[in-house]
Amino acid sequence: MPELTDTEHAVLRGAARGDTYAVIAARLGLHGKSVNKIAFRLARKLGARNITNAVLLACQAGILDGRPRRHGDHAGYEAHRKRGEDPKLCEPCRLGERAHRQAMKKTSKQNREAA
């Protein structure tokens, strides 16, 4: 799987949410044409025909999983546990895990209400 830039990830997440390129551009502080070019390049990297197909391929590849993301850019709460470390000693992990669990509860509640 090709490496995606942070901007490409942001465009992919926006497209997965159903945002238009104008909305994604406003969120990222870019021009609409820039987002269009990024989406085109992203689709080519993933071997997709268009951005919609790119979202599908990204989900299948595990790049997008539809769940709220955990904090920060380091290994995270579960990685600490797998290494036998106490994640509660890592302040960002402790706070990030709390936020993650709250987001998961909210998503679960929304899914139940939608059903």
N, C-alpha and C. Protein backbone atom coordinates (compact mmCIF):
# COMPACT_ATOMS: atom_id res chain seq x y z
N MET A 1 0.85 -1.17 0.00
CA MET A 1 0.00 0.00 0.00
C MET A 1 0.90 1.24 0.00
N PRO A 2 0.62 2.22 -0.85
CA PRO A 2 1.46 3.41 -0.93
C PRO A 2 1.32 4.29 0.32
N GLU A 3 2.37 5.02 0.60
CA GLU A 3 2.33 5.96 1.72
C GLU A 3 1.52 7.18 1.32
N LEU A 4 0.60 7.61 2.19
CA LEU A 4 -0.20 8.80 1.93
C LEU A 4 0.26 9.93 2.83
N THR A 5 0.24 11.14 2.30
CA THR A 5 0.61 12.31 3.10
C THR A 5 -0.53 12.63 4.06
N ASP A 6 -0.24 13.50 5.03
CA ASP A 6 -1.28 13.92 5.97
C ASP A 6 -2.43 14.61 5.24
N THR A 7 -2.10 15.42 4.24
CA THR A 7 -3.12 16.12 3.47
C THR A 7 -3.98 15.13 2.69
N GLU A 8 -3.35 14.13 2.11
CA GLU A 8 -4.10 13.10 1.38
C GLU A 8 -5.04 12.35 2.33
N HIS A 9 -4.55 12.05 3.54
CA HIS A 9 -5.41 11.39 4.53
C HIS A 9 -6.60 12.28 4.88
N ALA A 10 -6.34 13.57 5.05
CA ALA A 10 -7.42 14.51 5.41
C ALA A 10 -8.46 14.58 4.29
N VAL A 11 -8.01 14.62 3.04
CA VAL A 11 -8.94 14.65 1.91
C VAL A 11 -9.73 13.34 1.86
N LEU A 12 -9.06 12.24 2.07
CA LEU A 12 -9.73 10.93 2.06
C LEU A 12 -10.78 10.85 3.16
N ARG A 13 -10.44 11.30 4.37
CA ARG A 13 -11.42 11.29 5.47
C ARG A 13 -12.61 12.20 5.15
N GLY A 14 -12.33 13.37 4.57
CA GLY A 14 -13.41 14.28 4.19
C GLY A 14 -14.32 13.67 3.16
N ALA A 15 -13.74 13.03 2.16
CA ALA A 15 -14.54 12.37 1.13
C ALA A 15 -15.37 11.24 1.74
N ALA A 16 -14.79 10.52 2.69
CA ALA A 16 -15.51 9.43 3.35
C ALA A 16 -16.70 9.96 4.15
N ARG A 17 -16.57 11.18 4.68
CA ARG A 17 -17.68 11.81 5.41
C ARG A 17 -18.74 12.36 4.47
N GLY A 18 -18.41 12.42 3.17
CA GLY A 18 -19.35 12.97 2.19
C GLY A 18 -19.18 14.45 1.97
N ASP A 19 -18.10 15.03 2.45
CA ASP A 19 -17.85 16.46 2.26
C ASP A 19 -17.52 16.76 0.80
N THR A 20 -17.92 17.94 0.35
CA THR A 20 -17.54 18.37 -0.99
C THR A 20 -16.10 18.85 -0.96
N TYR A 21 -15.51 18.99 -2.14
CA TYR A 21 -14.14 19.49 -2.19
C TYR A 21 -14.06 20.90 -1.60
N ALA A 22 -15.10 21.70 -1.77
CA ALA A 22 -15.11 23.06 -1.22
C ALA A 22 -15.06 23.02 0.31
N VAL A 23 -15.81 22.11 0.91
CA VAL A 23 -15.82 21.98 2.37
C VAL A 23 -14.46 21.48 2.86
N ILE A 24 -13.92 20.49 2.18
CA ILE A 24 -12.60 19.96 2.55
C ILE A 24 -11.56 21.06 2.42
N ALA A 25 -11.63 21.82 1.34
CA ALA A 25 -10.67 22.91 1.11
C ALA A 25 -10.74 23.95 2.22
N ALA A 26 -11.96 24.33 2.60
CA ALA A 26 -12.12 25.31 3.68
C ALA A 26 -11.55 24.79 4.99
N ARG A 27 -11.79 23.51 5.28
CA ARG A 27 -11.28 22.92 6.52
C ARG A 27 -9.76 22.89 6.55
N LEU A 28 -9.16 22.62 5.38
CA LEU A 28 -7.70 22.49 5.32
C LEU A 28 -6.99 23.80 4.98
N GLY A 29 -7.76 24.83 4.66
CA GLY A 29 -7.16 26.11 4.29
C GLY A 29 -6.52 26.07 2.90
N LEU A 30 -7.13 25.32 1.99
CA LEU A 30 -6.61 25.17 0.63
C LEU A 30 -7.64 25.70 -0.36
N HIS A 31 -7.24 25.79 -1.62
CA HIS A 31 -8.17 26.14 -2.69
C HIS A 31 -8.88 24.87 -3.14
N GLY A 32 -10.09 25.03 -3.67
CA GLY A 32 -10.86 23.90 -4.15
C GLY A 32 -10.14 23.11 -5.23
N LYS A 33 -9.45 23.83 -6.13
CA LYS A 33 -8.72 23.14 -7.19
C LYS A 33 -7.57 22.31 -6.63
N SER A 34 -6.96 22.79 -5.55
CA SER A 34 -5.88 22.03 -4.92
C SER A 34 -6.42 20.71 -4.37
N VAL A 35 -7.58 20.76 -3.73
CA VAL A 35 -8.18 19.55 -3.19
C VAL A 35 -8.55 18.60 -4.32
N ASN A 36 -9.04 19.15 -5.43
CA ASN A 36 -9.36 18.32 -6.59
C ASN A 36 -8.12 17.59 -7.09
N LYS A 37 -7.00 18.30 -7.17
CA LYS A 37 -5.75 17.68 -7.63
C LYS A 37 -5.25 16.63 -6.64
N ILE A 38 -5.37 16.94 -5.35
CA ILE A 38 -4.95 15.99 -4.32
C ILE A 38 -5.80 14.72 -4.41
N ALA A 39 -7.11 14.90 -4.59
CA ALA A 39 -8.01 13.75 -4.69
C ALA A 39 -7.67 12.91 -5.92
N PHE A 40 -7.36 13.56 -7.03
CA PHE A 40 -6.98 12.83 -8.25
C PHE A 40 -5.70 12.04 -8.01
N ARG A 41 -4.69 12.68 -7.40
CA ARG A 41 -3.42 12.01 -7.12
C ARG A 41 -3.63 10.86 -6.13
N LEU A 42 -4.47 11.08 -5.15
CA LEU A 42 -4.78 10.06 -4.15
C LEU A 42 -5.45 8.85 -4.80
N ALA A 43 -6.40 9.10 -5.68
CA ALA A 43 -7.07 8.00 -6.36
C ALA A 43 -6.08 7.20 -7.20
N ARG A 44 -5.18 7.88 -7.87
CA ARG A 44 -4.17 7.18 -8.68
C ARG A 44 -3.25 6.34 -7.80
N LYS A 45 -2.85 6.90 -6.64
CA LYS A 45 -1.98 6.15 -5.73
C LYS A 45 -2.64 4.85 -5.27
N LEU A 46 -3.94 4.92 -5.04
CA LEU A 46 -4.66 3.75 -4.52
C LEU A 46 -5.16 2.83 -5.64
N GLY A 47 -4.94 3.24 -6.89
CA GLY A 47 -5.39 2.43 -8.01
C GLY A 47 -6.89 2.52 -8.22
N ALA A 48 -7.48 3.66 -7.84
CA ALA A 48 -8.92 3.85 -7.92
C ALA A 48 -9.29 4.65 -9.17
N ARG A 49 -10.55 4.51 -9.57
CA ARG A 49 -11.06 5.25 -10.73
C ARG A 49 -11.43 6.68 -10.36
N ASN A 50 -11.87 6.89 -9.12
CA ASN A 50 -12.28 8.21 -8.65
C ASN A 50 -12.19 8.23 -7.13
N ILE A 51 -12.54 9.36 -6.52
CA ILE A 51 -12.38 9.49 -5.07
C ILE A 51 -13.33 8.55 -4.32
N THR A 52 -14.50 8.31 -4.87
CA THR A 52 -15.44 7.39 -4.22
C THR A 52 -14.87 5.98 -4.17
N ASN A 53 -14.29 5.57 -5.28
CA ASN A 53 -13.65 4.26 -5.34
C ASN A 53 -12.43 4.23 -4.42
N ALA A 54 -11.73 5.36 -4.31
CA ALA A 54 -10.57 5.45 -3.42
C ALA A 54 -10.98 5.24 -1.96
N VAL A 55 -12.12 5.81 -1.57
CA VAL A 55 -12.62 5.63 -0.20
C VAL A 55 -12.91 4.15 0.05
N LEU A 56 -13.55 3.50 -0.91
CA LEU A 56 -13.85 2.07 -0.77
C LEU A 56 -12.56 1.26 -0.64
N LEU A 57 -11.59 1.51 -1.52
CA LEU A 57 -10.33 0.77 -1.46
C LEU A 57 -9.58 1.04 -0.16
N ALA A 58 -9.64 2.28 0.32
CA ALA A 58 -8.97 2.63 1.58
C ALA A 58 -9.61 1.90 2.75
N CYS A 59 -10.93 1.77 2.73
CA CYS A 59 -11.61 1.01 3.80
C CYS A 59 -11.22 -0.46 3.74
N GLN A 60 -11.19 -1.02 2.54
CA GLN A 60 -10.83 -2.42 2.39
C GLN A 60 -9.39 -2.67 2.81
N ALA A 61 -8.51 -1.69 2.59
CA ALA A 61 -7.10 -1.84 2.94
C ALA A 61 -6.82 -1.51 4.40
N GLY A 62 -7.84 -1.02 5.12
CA GLY A 62 -7.65 -0.67 6.53
C GLY A 62 -7.10 0.72 6.75
N ILE A 63 -6.98 1.51 5.70
CA ILE A 63 -6.52 2.89 5.85
C ILE A 63 -7.60 3.72 6.53
N LEU A 64 -8.84 3.49 6.14
CA LEU A 64 -10.00 4.10 6.79
C LEU A 64 -10.80 2.98 7.43
N ASP A 65 -11.17 3.14 8.68
CA ASP A 65 -11.96 2.10 9.30
C ASP A 65 -13.28 2.60 9.86
N GLY A 66 -13.54 3.90 9.72
CA GLY A 66 -14.82 4.42 10.15
C GLY A 66 -14.95 4.66 11.65
N ARG A 67 -13.92 4.31 12.40
CA ARG A 67 -13.98 4.54 13.84
C ARG A 67 -13.25 5.82 14.20
N PRO A 68 -13.63 6.47 15.28
CA PRO A 68 -12.90 7.66 15.71
C PRO A 68 -11.44 7.31 15.98
N ARG A 69 -10.56 8.19 15.61
CA ARG A 69 -9.13 7.98 15.79
C ARG A 69 -8.71 8.27 17.22
N ARG A 70 -7.69 7.57 17.67
CA ARG A 70 -7.14 7.83 18.99
C ARG A 70 -6.18 9.00 18.92
N HIS A 71 -5.71 9.39 20.04
CA HIS A 71 -4.87 10.57 20.17
C HIS A 71 -3.52 10.40 19.51
N GLY A 72 -2.94 11.53 19.23
CA GLY A 72 -1.53 11.62 18.88
C GLY A 72 -1.02 10.75 17.76
N ASP A 73 0.27 10.77 17.60
CA ASP A 73 0.88 10.02 16.52
C ASP A 73 1.82 8.94 17.04
N HIS A 74 1.75 8.63 18.33
CA HIS A 74 2.60 7.54 18.81
C HIS A 74 1.76 6.27 18.95
N ALA A 75 2.36 5.24 19.44
CA ALA A 75 1.76 3.91 19.39
C ALA A 75 0.39 3.82 20.04
N GLY A 76 0.16 4.50 21.12
CA GLY A 76 -1.16 4.52 21.73
C GLY A 76 -1.34 3.52 22.87
N TYR A 77 -2.51 3.63 23.45
CA TYR A 77 -2.89 2.90 24.65
C TYR A 77 -2.71 1.39 24.51
N GLU A 78 -3.28 0.82 23.46
CA GLU A 78 -3.20 -0.63 23.27
C GLU A 78 -1.76 -1.11 23.07
N ALA A 79 -0.97 -0.32 22.37
CA ALA A 79 0.43 -0.71 22.14
C ALA A 79 1.18 -0.78 23.46
N HIS A 80 0.92 0.17 24.37
CA HIS A 80 1.55 0.11 25.69
C HIS A 80 1.17 -1.19 26.40
N ARG A 81 -0.11 -1.54 26.34
CA ARG A 81 -0.57 -2.76 27.01
C ARG A 81 0.09 -3.99 26.42
N LYS A 82 0.23 -4.05 25.10
CA LYS A 82 0.86 -5.21 24.46
C LYS A 82 2.33 -5.33 24.84
N ARG A 83 2.98 -4.20 25.13
CA ARG A 83 4.38 -4.23 25.53
C ARG A 83 4.54 -4.47 27.03
N GLY A 84 3.42 -4.63 27.74
CA GLY A 84 3.48 -4.88 29.17
C GLY A 84 3.67 -3.62 29.99
N GLU A 85 3.46 -2.45 29.38
CA GLU A 85 3.60 -1.18 30.08
C GLU A 85 2.24 -0.76 30.62
N ASP A 86 2.27 0.10 31.62
CA ASP A 86 1.03 0.63 32.16
C ASP A 86 0.66 1.89 31.38
N PRO A 87 -0.39 1.84 30.54
CA PRO A 87 -0.74 3.00 29.73
C PRO A 87 -1.22 4.18 30.56
N LYS A 88 -1.63 3.92 31.80
CA LYS A 88 -2.10 5.01 32.66
C LYS A 88 -0.96 5.93 33.08
N LEU A 89 0.27 5.46 32.91
CA LEU A 89 1.42 6.29 33.24
C LEU A 89 1.75 7.27 32.11
N CYS A 90 1.17 7.05 30.96
CA CYS A 90 1.36 7.93 29.81
C CYS A 90 0.17 8.88 29.76
N GLU A 91 0.38 10.13 30.13
CA GLU A 91 -0.72 11.09 30.21
C GLU A 91 -1.48 11.24 28.89
N PRO A 92 -0.79 11.41 27.74
CA PRO A 92 -1.55 11.52 26.49
C PRO A 92 -2.39 10.27 26.21
N CYS A 93 -1.87 9.10 26.56
CA CYS A 93 -2.64 7.87 26.35
C CYS A 93 -3.87 7.83 27.24
N ARG A 94 -3.69 8.21 28.48
CA ARG A 94 -4.80 8.17 29.42
C ARG A 94 -5.91 9.11 28.96
N LEU A 95 -5.54 10.33 28.62
CA LEU A 95 -6.53 11.30 28.17
C LEU A 95 -7.10 10.92 26.80
N GLY A 96 -6.24 10.41 25.94
CA GLY A 96 -6.68 10.00 24.61
C GLY A 96 -7.64 8.83 24.67
N GLU A 97 -7.39 7.88 25.55
CA GLU A 97 -8.26 6.72 25.68
C GLU A 97 -9.63 7.15 26.19
N ARG A 98 -9.66 8.09 27.12
CA ARG A 98 -10.94 8.58 27.64
C ARG A 98 -11.73 9.23 26.50
N ALA A 99 -11.09 10.08 25.72
CA ALA A 99 -11.76 10.73 24.59
C ALA A 99 -12.21 9.71 23.56
N HIS A 100 -11.37 8.70 23.33
CA HIS A 100 -11.71 7.66 22.36
C HIS A 100 -12.95 6.89 22.81
N ARG A 101 -13.01 6.52 24.07
CA ARG A 101 -14.15 5.76 24.58
C ARG A 101 -15.43 6.59 24.52
N GLN A 102 -15.33 7.89 24.82
CA GLN A 102 -16.50 8.75 24.73
C GLN A 102 -16.99 8.85 23.29
N ALA A 103 -16.06 8.96 22.35
CA ALA A 103 -16.42 9.04 20.94
C ALA A 103 -17.06 7.73 20.47
N MET A 104 -16.53 6.60 20.95
CA MET A 104 -17.10 5.30 20.58
C MET A 104 -18.52 5.15 21.12
N LYS A 105 -18.75 5.62 22.36
CA LYS A 105 -20.10 5.56 22.93
C LYS A 105 -21.06 6.41 22.11
N LYS A 106 -20.61 7.60 21.71
CA LYS A 106 -21.44 8.50 20.92
C LYS A 106 -21.76 7.87 19.57
N THR A 107 -20.75 7.27 18.91
CA THR A 107 -20.96 6.62 17.62
C THR A 107 -21.92 5.45 17.76
N SER A 108 -21.76 4.67 18.82
CA SER A 108 -22.63 3.53 19.06
C SER A 108 -24.07 3.98 19.27
N LYS A 109 -24.25 5.04 20.03
CA LYS A 109 -25.58 5.57 20.29
C LYS A 109 -26.22 6.07 18.99
N GLN A 110 -25.43 6.77 18.16
CA GLN A 110 -25.95 7.27 16.88
C GLN A 110 -26.36 6.10 15.98
N ASN A 111 -25.56 5.04 15.98
CA ASN A 111 -25.88 3.87 15.16
C ASN A 111 -27.18 3.20 15.63
N ARG A 112 -27.36 3.13 16.95
CA ARG A 112 -28.59 2.53 17.48
C ARG A 112 -29.81 3.37 17.12
N GLU A 113 -29.65 4.70 17.20
CA GLU A 113 -30.78 5.59 16.88
C GLU A 113 -31.11 5.54 15.39
N ALA A 114 -30.10 5.35 14.55
CA ALA A 114 -30.32 5.30 13.11
C ALA A 114 -31.01 3.99 12.69
N ALA A 115 -30.84 2.95 13.49
CA ALA A 115 -31.39 1.62 13.13
C ALA A 115 -32.84 1.50 13.43
